[in-house]
């Protein structure tokens, strides 16, 4: 699958094109060197199929991805980064779930992450490249072990 970053993509408001992207984290508080797991759910509420769905999550050097943990609908996916994780086509009403784990590499009081899902759909015989952002996850990174109640 081609990387979508080289194409012109129209970013639409959440839910505007009937695609819903939700991102959750396994914890809200962690420490440096601990692993956290993210789950991104993409639901196609449109009346047509959306094609070439890809997930993009900038890790910005704050996280180190564990490539062996990346799955799409429970199936392992071979990726080195989260720049263009191939999800495939989503039929009307279909949901896809992407799970990945990464290690916190840097202390920042809060780390905010937001996934971007890109895809194309045909409208009036014209191809439209689009993108929808997920909600923002806010992960608190504590400098000591006591803040997180030893969750991680």
C-alpha atoms as a PDB file:
ATOM      1  CA  UNK A   1       0.000   0.000   0.000  1.00  0.00           C
ATOM      2  CA  UNK A   2       1.272   3.441  -0.843  1.00  0.00           C
ATOM      3  CA  UNK A   3       2.004   5.919   1.890  1.00  0.00           C
ATOM      4  CA  UNK A   4      -0.794   8.462   2.082  1.00  0.00           C
ATOM      5  CA  UNK A   5       1.467  11.315   3.199  1.00  0.00           C
ATOM      6  CA  UNK A   6       2.496  11.968  -0.405  1.00  0.00           C
ATOM      7  CA  UNK A   7      -1.112  12.493  -1.502  1.00  0.00           C
ATOM      8  CA  UNK A   8      -3.295  15.492  -0.972  1.00  0.00           C
ATOM      9  CA  UNK A   9      -5.656  14.604   1.850  1.00  0.00           C
ATOM     10  CA  UNK A  10      -8.651  16.581   3.021  1.00  0.00           C
ATOM     11  CA  UNK A  11      -8.918  16.422   6.806  1.00  0.00           C
ATOM     12  CA  UNK A  12     -12.568  16.409   7.791  1.00  0.00           C
ATOM     13  CA  UNK A  13     -14.181  17.073  11.145  1.00  0.00           C
ATOM     14  CA  UNK A  14     -14.779  14.071  13.368  1.00  0.00           C
ATOM     15  CA  UNK A  15     -17.886  12.274  12.199  1.00  0.00           C
ATOM     16  CA  UNK A  16     -18.336  14.599   9.211  1.00  0.00           C
ATOM     17  CA  UNK A  17     -17.867  11.817   6.670  1.00  0.00           C
ATOM     18  CA  UNK A  18     -19.429   9.112   8.863  1.00  0.00           C
ATOM     19  CA  UNK A  19     -16.058   7.654   9.893  1.00  0.00           C
ATOM     20  CA  UNK A  20     -15.577   7.439  13.657  1.00  0.00           C
ATOM     21  CA  UNK A  21     -12.043   7.052  15.072  1.00  0.00           C
ATOM     22  CA  UNK A  22     -11.618   6.343  18.789  1.00  0.00           C
ATOM     23  CA  UNK A  23      -8.310   5.898  20.592  1.00  0.00           C
ATOM     24  CA  UNK A  24      -7.842   4.551  24.125  1.00  0.00           C
ATOM     25  CA  UNK A  25      -4.788   3.913  26.286  1.00  0.00           C
ATOM     26  CA  UNK A  26      -4.253   1.057  28.745  1.00  0.00           C
ATOM     27  CA  UNK A  27      -3.478   3.563  31.516  1.00  0.00           C
ATOM     28  CA  UNK A  28      -3.694   7.268  32.241  1.00  0.00           C
ATOM     29  CA  UNK A  29      -0.542   7.420  34.360  1.00  0.00           C
ATOM     30  CA  UNK A  30       2.852   5.780  33.836  1.00  0.00           C
ATOM     31  CA  UNK A  31       6.616   6.210  34.227  1.00  0.00           C
ATOM     32  CA  UNK A  32       9.549   6.442  31.827  1.00  0.00           C
ATOM     33  CA  UNK A  33      10.632   3.002  30.530  1.00  0.00           C
ATOM     34  CA  UNK A  34       7.169   1.509  31.068  1.00  0.00           C
ATOM     35  CA  UNK A  35       5.090   0.080  28.264  1.00  0.00           C
ATOM     36  CA  UNK A  36       1.600   1.323  27.420  1.00  0.00           C
ATOM     37  CA  UNK A  37      -0.892  -0.164  24.977  1.00  0.00           C
ATOM     38  CA  UNK A  38      -3.118   1.855  22.665  1.00  0.00           C
ATOM     39  CA  UNK A  39      -6.263   0.632  20.938  1.00  0.00           C
ATOM     40  CA  UNK A  40      -7.623   2.534  17.943  1.00  0.00           C
ATOM     41  CA  UNK A  41     -11.087   1.675  16.656  1.00  0.00           C
ATOM     42  CA  UNK A  42     -12.227   2.792  13.205  1.00  0.00           C
ATOM     43  CA  UNK A  43     -15.931   2.458  12.376  1.00  0.00           C
ATOM     44  CA  UNK A  44     -17.399   3.105   8.956  1.00  0.00           C
ATOM     45  CA  UNK A  45     -20.875   4.574   9.433  1.00  0.00           C
ATOM     46  CA  UNK A  46     -21.026   5.669   5.789  1.00  0.00           C
ATOM     47  CA  UNK A  47     -23.319   3.994   3.293  1.00  0.00           C
ATOM     48  CA  UNK A  48     -20.367   3.083   1.047  1.00  0.00           C
ATOM     49  CA  UNK A  49     -17.045   1.303   1.431  1.00  0.00           C
ATOM     50  CA  UNK A  50     -13.987   3.367   2.344  1.00  0.00           C
ATOM     51  CA  UNK A  51     -10.799   2.165   0.690  1.00  0.00           C
ATOM     52  CA  UNK A  52      -7.106   1.953   1.505  1.00  0.00           C
ATOM     53  CA  UNK A  53      -7.564   2.799   5.186  1.00  0.00           C
ATOM     54  CA  UNK A  54      -4.265   3.582   6.955  1.00  0.00           C
ATOM     55  CA  UNK A  55      -3.430   4.537  10.530  1.00  0.00           C
ATOM     56  CA  UNK A  56      -0.864   7.254  11.258  1.00  0.00           C
ATOM     57  CA  UNK A  57       0.374   7.964  14.797  1.00  0.00           C
ATOM     58  CA  UNK A  58       3.351  10.282  15.328  1.00  0.00           C
ATOM     59  CA  UNK A  59       5.492   8.928  18.165  1.00  0.00           C
ATOM     60  CA  UNK A  60       7.738  12.027  18.147  1.00  0.00           C
ATOM     61  CA  UNK A  61      10.650  10.341  19.939  1.00  0.00           C
ATOM     62  CA  UNK A  62       8.633  10.235  23.152  1.00  0.00           C
ATOM     63  CA  UNK A  63       7.598   6.633  22.528  1.00  0.00           C
ATOM     64  CA  UNK A  64       9.462   3.620  21.178  1.00  0.00           C
ATOM     65  CA  UNK A  65       7.161   1.274  19.282  1.00  0.00           C
ATOM     66  CA  UNK A  66       7.362  -2.461  19.887  1.00  0.00           C
ATOM     67  CA  UNK A  67       6.697  -3.619  16.291  1.00  0.00           C
ATOM     68  CA  UNK A  68       5.805  -7.143  17.412  1.00  0.00           C
ATOM     69  CA  UNK A  69       2.688  -5.816  19.177  1.00  0.00           C
ATOM     70  CA  UNK A  70       0.990  -4.153  16.194  1.00  0.00           C
ATOM     71  CA  UNK A  71      -2.200  -5.945  15.190  1.00  0.00           C
ATOM     72  CA  UNK A  72      -5.117  -5.132  12.908  1.00  0.00           C
ATOM     73  CA  UNK A  73      -8.259  -7.046  13.843  1.00  0.00           C
ATOM     74  CA  UNK A  74      -6.156  -9.469  15.877  1.00  0.00           C
ATOM     75  CA  UNK A  75      -3.746 -10.249  13.029  1.00  0.00           C
ATOM     76  CA  UNK A  76      -0.069  -9.278  13.357  1.00  0.00           C
ATOM     77  CA  UNK A  77       1.107  -6.591  10.941  1.00  0.00           C
ATOM     78  CA  UNK A  78       4.755  -6.171   9.934  1.00  0.00           C
ATOM     79  CA  UNK A  79       5.612  -2.486  10.474  1.00  0.00           C
ATOM     80  CA  UNK A  80       8.601  -0.556  11.776  1.00  0.00           C
ATOM     81  CA  UNK A  81       6.684   2.602  12.630  1.00  0.00           C
ATOM     82  CA  UNK A  82       3.135   3.891  12.818  1.00  0.00           C
ATOM     83  CA  UNK A  83       3.422   6.194   9.809  1.00  0.00           C
ATOM     84  CA  UNK A  84       1.107   4.189   7.558  1.00  0.00           C
ATOM     85  CA  UNK A  85      -0.252   1.030   9.153  1.00  0.00           C
ATOM     86  CA  UNK A  86      -2.380  -0.686   6.483  1.00  0.00           C
ATOM     87  CA  UNK A  87      -5.892  -1.448   7.668  1.00  0.00           C
ATOM     88  CA  UNK A  88      -7.472  -2.227   4.287  1.00  0.00           C
ATOM     89  CA  UNK A  89     -10.953  -1.469   3.034  1.00  0.00           C
ATOM     90  CA  UNK A  90     -13.891  -0.995   5.405  1.00  0.00           C
ATOM     91  CA  UNK A  91     -17.360  -1.873   4.179  1.00  0.00           C
ATOM     92  CA  UNK A  92     -20.379   0.074   5.358  1.00  0.00           C
ATOM     93  CA  UNK A  93     -21.007  -0.698   9.042  1.00  0.00           C
ATOM     94  CA  UNK A  94     -17.662  -2.463   9.478  1.00  0.00           C
ATOM     95  CA  UNK A  95     -15.294  -1.767  12.390  1.00  0.00           C
ATOM     96  CA  UNK A  96     -11.550  -2.308  12.478  1.00  0.00           C
ATOM     97  CA  UNK A  97      -9.408  -2.414  15.620  1.00  0.00           C
ATOM     98  CA  UNK A  98      -5.695  -1.602  15.683  1.00  0.00           C
ATOM     99  CA  UNK A  99      -3.655  -2.363  18.813  1.00  0.00           C
ATOM    100  CA  UNK A 100      -0.032  -1.424  19.484  1.00  0.00           C
ATOM    101  CA  UNK A 101       2.293  -1.070  22.465  1.00  0.00           C
ATOM    102  CA  UNK A 102       5.137   1.328  22.993  1.00  0.00           C
ATOM    103  CA  UNK A 103       7.581   2.270  25.719  1.00  0.00           C
ATOM    104  CA  UNK A 104       7.682   5.756  27.209  1.00  0.00           C
ATOM    105  CA  UNK A 105      11.186   7.068  26.450  1.00  0.00           C
ATOM    106  CA  UNK A 106      11.090  10.615  27.791  1.00  0.00           C
ATOM    107  CA  UNK A 107       9.786  12.372  30.868  1.00  0.00           C
ATOM    108  CA  UNK A 108       7.114  14.911  30.056  1.00  0.00           C
ATOM    109  CA  UNK A 109       4.426  15.752  32.557  1.00  0.00           C
ATOM    110  CA  UNK A 110       1.778  14.948  29.954  1.00  0.00           C
ATOM    111  CA  UNK A 111       2.065  13.243  26.578  1.00  0.00           C
ATOM    112  CA  UNK A 112      -0.783  13.898  24.193  1.00  0.00           C
ATOM    113  CA  UNK A 113      -1.346  11.563  21.257  1.00  0.00           C
ATOM    114  CA  UNK A 114      -3.842  11.644  18.450  1.00  0.00           C
ATOM    115  CA  UNK A 115      -4.242   9.130  15.649  1.00  0.00           C
ATOM    116  CA  UNK A 116      -5.005  10.062  12.055  1.00  0.00           C
ATOM    117  CA  UNK A 117      -6.871   7.635   9.827  1.00  0.00           C
ATOM    118  CA  UNK A 118      -6.624   8.252   6.090  1.00  0.00           C
ATOM    119  CA  UNK A 119      -8.683   6.640   3.345  1.00  0.00           C
ATOM    120  CA  UNK A 120     -10.349   7.337   0.055  1.00  0.00           C
ATOM    121  CA  UNK A 121     -13.909   7.033  -1.046  1.00  0.00           C
ATOM    122  CA  UNK A 122     -15.605   7.502  -4.381  1.00  0.00           C
ATOM    123  CA  UNK A 123     -18.246  10.178  -4.622  1.00  0.00           C
ATOM    124  CA  UNK A 124     -19.981  10.964  -7.916  1.00  0.00           C
ATOM    125  CA  UNK A 125     -17.343   8.937  -9.789  1.00  0.00           C
ATOM    126  CA  UNK A 126     -14.594  11.054  -8.246  1.00  0.00           C
ATOM    127  CA  UNK A 127     -11.911   9.811  -5.856  1.00  0.00           C
ATOM    128  CA  UNK A 128     -11.700  11.788  -2.609  1.00  0.00           C
ATOM    129  CA  UNK A 129      -8.711  11.344  -0.279  1.00  0.00           C
ATOM    130  CA  UNK A 130      -9.714  12.094   3.301  1.00  0.00           C
ATOM    131  CA  UNK A 131      -8.484  11.893   6.854  1.00  0.00           C
ATOM    132  CA  UNK A 132     -10.180  11.822  10.248  1.00  0.00           C
ATOM    133  CA  UNK A 133      -8.467  12.417  13.601  1.00  0.00           C
ATOM    134  CA  UNK A 134      -9.208  10.448  16.742  1.00  0.00           C
ATOM    135  CA  UNK A 135      -9.809  11.933  20.147  1.00  0.00           C
ATOM    136  CA  UNK A 136      -6.722  13.141  22.053  1.00  0.00           C
ATOM    137  CA  UNK A 137      -5.246  10.766  24.637  1.00  0.00           C
ATOM    138  CA  UNK A 138      -3.487  12.420  27.554  1.00  0.00           C
ATOM    139  CA  UNK A 139      -0.941  10.240  29.354  1.00  0.00           C
ATOM    140  CA  UNK A 140       0.524  11.521  32.614  1.00  0.00           C
ATOM    141  CA  UNK A 141       4.189  10.584  33.084  1.00  0.00           C
ATOM    142  CA  UNK A 142       5.320  10.561  36.704  1.00  0.00           C
ATOM    143  CA  UNK A 143       8.930  11.081  37.790  1.00  0.00           C
ATOM    144  CA  UNK A 144       8.567   8.567  40.641  1.00  0.00           C
ATOM    145  CA  UNK A 145       6.851   5.265  41.351  1.00  0.00           C
ATOM    146  CA  UNK A 146       4.397   6.473  43.988  1.00  0.00           C
ATOM    147  CA  UNK A 147       2.197   8.655  41.735  1.00  0.00           C
ATOM    148  CA  UNK A 148       0.911   5.812  39.606  1.00  0.00           C
ATOM    149  CA  UNK A 149       0.133   3.463  42.496  1.00  0.00           C
ATOM    150  CA  UNK A 150       2.656   1.080  40.929  1.00  0.00           C
ATOM    151  CA  UNK A 151       0.308   0.367  38.011  1.00  0.00           C
ATOM    152  CA  UNK A 152       3.225   0.139  35.595  1.00  0.00           C
END
